[in-house]
C-alpha atoms as a PDB file:
ATOM      1  CA  UNK A   1      91.697 124.338  50.277  1.00  0.00           C
ATOM      2  CA  UNK A   2      88.393 125.710  51.520  1.00  0.00           C
ATOM      3  CA  UNK A   3      87.850 127.897  54.586  1.00  0.00           C
ATOM      4  CA  UNK A   4      86.036 124.986  56.246  1.00  0.00           C
ATOM      5  CA  UNK A   5      89.150 122.824  55.839  1.00  0.00           C
ATOM      6  CA  UNK A   6      91.349 125.514  57.359  1.00  0.00           C
ATOM      7  CA  UNK A   7      88.985 125.831  60.318  1.00  0.00           C
ATOM      8  CA  UNK A   8      89.200 122.077  60.920  1.00  0.00           C
ATOM      9  CA  UNK A   9      92.986 122.280  60.897  1.00  0.00           C
ATOM     10  CA  UNK A  10      92.981 125.259  63.285  1.00  0.00           C
ATOM     11  CA  UNK A  11      90.660 123.404  65.699  1.00  0.00           C
ATOM     12  CA  UNK A  12      92.871 120.302  65.541  1.00  0.00           C
ATOM     13  CA  UNK A  13      95.957 122.402  66.323  1.00  0.00           C
ATOM     14  CA  UNK A  14      94.229 124.180  69.207  1.00  0.00           C
ATOM     15  CA  UNK A  15      93.076 120.881  70.706  1.00  0.00           C
ATOM     16  CA  UNK A  16      96.508 119.256  70.342  1.00  0.00           C
ATOM     17  CA  UNK A  17      95.203 116.618  67.915  1.00  0.00           C
ATOM     18  CA  UNK A  18      97.088 117.859  64.862  1.00  0.00           C
ATOM     19  CA  UNK A  19     100.146 115.949  63.741  1.00  0.00           C
ATOM     20  CA  UNK A  20     102.325 117.876  61.330  1.00  0.00           C
ATOM     21  CA  UNK A  21     103.867 115.824  58.552  1.00  0.00           C
ATOM     22  CA  UNK A  22     106.552 117.446  56.444  1.00  0.00           C
ATOM     23  CA  UNK A  23     107.471 115.878  53.152  1.00  0.00           C
ATOM     24  CA  UNK A  24     110.911 115.682  51.600  1.00  0.00           C
ATOM     25  CA  UNK A  25     110.559 119.141  50.094  1.00  0.00           C
ATOM     26  CA  UNK A  26     110.473 120.859  53.495  1.00  0.00           C
ATOM     27  CA  UNK A  27     114.247 121.417  53.436  1.00  0.00           C
ATOM     28  CA  UNK A  28     114.765 122.287  49.781  1.00  0.00           C
ATOM     29  CA  UNK A  29     115.948 125.641  48.450  1.00  0.00           C
ATOM     30  CA  UNK A  30     113.430 128.459  48.320  1.00  0.00           C
ATOM     31  CA  UNK A  31     113.154 132.121  47.412  1.00  0.00           C
ATOM     32  CA  UNK A  32     112.547 134.477  50.336  1.00  0.00           C
ATOM     33  CA  UNK A  33     110.226 137.479  50.320  1.00  0.00           C
ATOM     34  CA  UNK A  34     113.027 139.735  48.999  1.00  0.00           C
ATOM     35  CA  UNK A  35     113.606 137.419  46.033  1.00  0.00           C
ATOM     36  CA  UNK A  36     116.845 135.967  47.422  1.00  0.00           C
ATOM     37  CA  UNK A  37     117.502 132.277  46.745  1.00  0.00           C
ATOM     38  CA  UNK A  38     118.050 130.417  50.042  1.00  0.00           C
ATOM     39  CA  UNK A  39     120.011 127.192  49.521  1.00  0.00           C
ATOM     40  CA  UNK A  40     118.722 123.951  50.956  1.00  0.00           C
ATOM     41  CA  UNK A  41     119.109 120.214  50.771  1.00  0.00           C
ATOM     42  CA  UNK A  42     118.729 118.454  47.423  1.00  0.00           C
ATOM     43  CA  UNK A  43     115.576 116.675  46.362  1.00  0.00           C
ATOM     44  CA  UNK A  44     115.857 113.034  45.321  1.00  0.00           C
ATOM     45  CA  UNK A  45     116.010 114.065  41.667  1.00  0.00           C
ATOM     46  CA  UNK A  46     118.688 116.673  42.360  1.00  0.00           C
ATOM     47  CA  UNK A  47     120.709 114.150  44.345  1.00  0.00           C
ATOM     48  CA  UNK A  48     120.418 111.690  41.462  1.00  0.00           C
ATOM     49  CA  UNK A  49     121.762 114.331  39.052  1.00  0.00           C
ATOM     50  CA  UNK A  50     124.713 115.067  41.377  1.00  0.00           C
ATOM     51  CA  UNK A  51     125.559 111.355  41.455  1.00  0.00           C
ATOM     52  CA  UNK A  52     124.992 111.040  37.696  1.00  0.00           C
ATOM     53  CA  UNK A  53     127.492 113.830  37.041  1.00  0.00           C
ATOM     54  CA  UNK A  54     130.089 112.220  39.320  1.00  0.00           C
ATOM     55  CA  UNK A  55     129.890 108.819  37.628  1.00  0.00           C
ATOM     56  CA  UNK A  56     129.112 110.060  34.097  1.00  0.00           C
ATOM     57  CA  UNK A  57     125.798 108.219  34.096  1.00  0.00           C
ATOM     58  CA  UNK A  58     124.443 107.586  30.626  1.00  0.00           C
ATOM     59  CA  UNK A  59     122.016 104.757  31.198  1.00  0.00           C
ATOM     60  CA  UNK A  60     118.585 106.403  31.081  1.00  0.00           C
ATOM     61  CA  UNK A  61     117.007 109.167  33.143  1.00  0.00           C
ATOM     62  CA  UNK A  62     119.602 110.950  35.322  1.00  0.00           C
ATOM     63  CA  UNK A  63     116.913 111.870  37.879  1.00  0.00           C
ATOM     64  CA  UNK A  64     116.085 108.252  38.828  1.00  0.00           C
ATOM     65  CA  UNK A  65     117.882 108.038  42.175  1.00  0.00           C
ATOM     66  CA  UNK A  66     117.722 104.247  42.529  1.00  0.00           C
ATOM     67  CA  UNK A  67     119.115 103.516  39.067  1.00  0.00           C
ATOM     68  CA  UNK A  68     121.778 106.225  39.272  1.00  0.00           C
ATOM     69  CA  UNK A  69     122.867 105.089  42.747  1.00  0.00           C
ATOM     70  CA  UNK A  70     123.226 101.490  41.558  1.00  0.00           C
ATOM     71  CA  UNK A  71     125.211 102.643  38.529  1.00  0.00           C
ATOM     72  CA  UNK A  72     127.375 104.850  40.758  1.00  0.00           C
ATOM     73  CA  UNK A  73     128.300 101.897  42.983  1.00  0.00           C
ATOM     74  CA  UNK A  74     129.135  99.577  40.108  1.00  0.00           C
ATOM     75  CA  UNK A  75     131.114 102.081  38.050  1.00  0.00           C
ATOM     76  CA  UNK A  76     133.005 103.947  40.784  1.00  0.00           C
ATOM     77  CA  UNK A  77     134.335 101.286  43.129  1.00  0.00           C
ATOM     78  CA  UNK A  78     131.967  98.364  43.483  1.00  0.00           C
ATOM     79  CA  UNK A  79     131.433  99.441  47.088  1.00  0.00           C
ATOM     80  CA  UNK A  80     128.677 101.454  48.739  1.00  0.00           C
ATOM     81  CA  UNK A  81     131.249 103.475  50.700  1.00  0.00           C
ATOM     82  CA  UNK A  82     131.773 106.095  47.981  1.00  0.00           C
ATOM     83  CA  UNK A  83     128.037 106.366  47.412  1.00  0.00           C
ATOM     84  CA  UNK A  84     127.348 106.800  51.130  1.00  0.00           C
ATOM     85  CA  UNK A  85     130.091 109.430  51.498  1.00  0.00           C
ATOM     86  CA  UNK A  86     128.784 111.400  48.535  1.00  0.00           C
ATOM     87  CA  UNK A  87     125.169 111.262  49.709  1.00  0.00           C
ATOM     88  CA  UNK A  88     126.156 112.121  53.279  1.00  0.00           C
ATOM     89  CA  UNK A  89     128.174 115.122  52.070  1.00  0.00           C
ATOM     90  CA  UNK A  90     125.144 116.419  50.142  1.00  0.00           C
ATOM     91  CA  UNK A  91     122.481 115.893  52.811  1.00  0.00           C
ATOM     92  CA  UNK A  92     124.529 117.044  55.803  1.00  0.00           C
ATOM     93  CA  UNK A  93     125.228 120.491  54.416  1.00  0.00           C
ATOM     94  CA  UNK A  94     124.219 123.180  56.871  1.00  0.00           C
ATOM     95  CA  UNK A  95     121.087 125.059  55.949  1.00  0.00           C
ATOM     96  CA  UNK A  96     118.870 127.573  57.648  1.00  0.00           C
ATOM     97  CA  UNK A  97     115.454 126.592  58.980  1.00  0.00           C
ATOM     98  CA  UNK A  98     112.677 127.041  56.473  1.00  0.00           C
ATOM     99  CA  UNK A  99     109.649 129.251  57.157  1.00  0.00           C
ATOM    100  CA  UNK A 100     107.580 126.104  57.774  1.00  0.00           C
ATOM    101  CA  UNK A 101     109.996 125.062  60.546  1.00  0.00           C
ATOM    102  CA  UNK A 102     109.639 128.463  62.195  1.00  0.00           C
ATOM    103  CA  UNK A 103     105.855 128.267  62.018  1.00  0.00           C
ATOM    104  CA  UNK A 104     105.840 124.786  63.553  1.00  0.00           C
ATOM    105  CA  UNK A 105     108.243 125.823  66.306  1.00  0.00           C
ATOM    106  CA  UNK A 106     105.958 128.721  67.224  1.00  0.00           C
END
């Protein structure tokens, strides 16, 4: 990113015309300035691997969330309930705000 681009962003923020968009990675684990790993929410690939481990997925790439989730439903119970409970348990874990959240809140 060039200085000109940063200046455009700063002007947009100052004028109230900047809309922040955070991608899925905004809540993932990170390493703080002291080198300490701060846990976070799983990425789609990490969530797929958690599901793959639970259902012993062996039908291709274990990081393909759609395929693993379908396999999970059909091999565990035939119902989405177990899948939804497992996903909910993983994405509702408490985690601290990320530095980007603090910056946006300021």
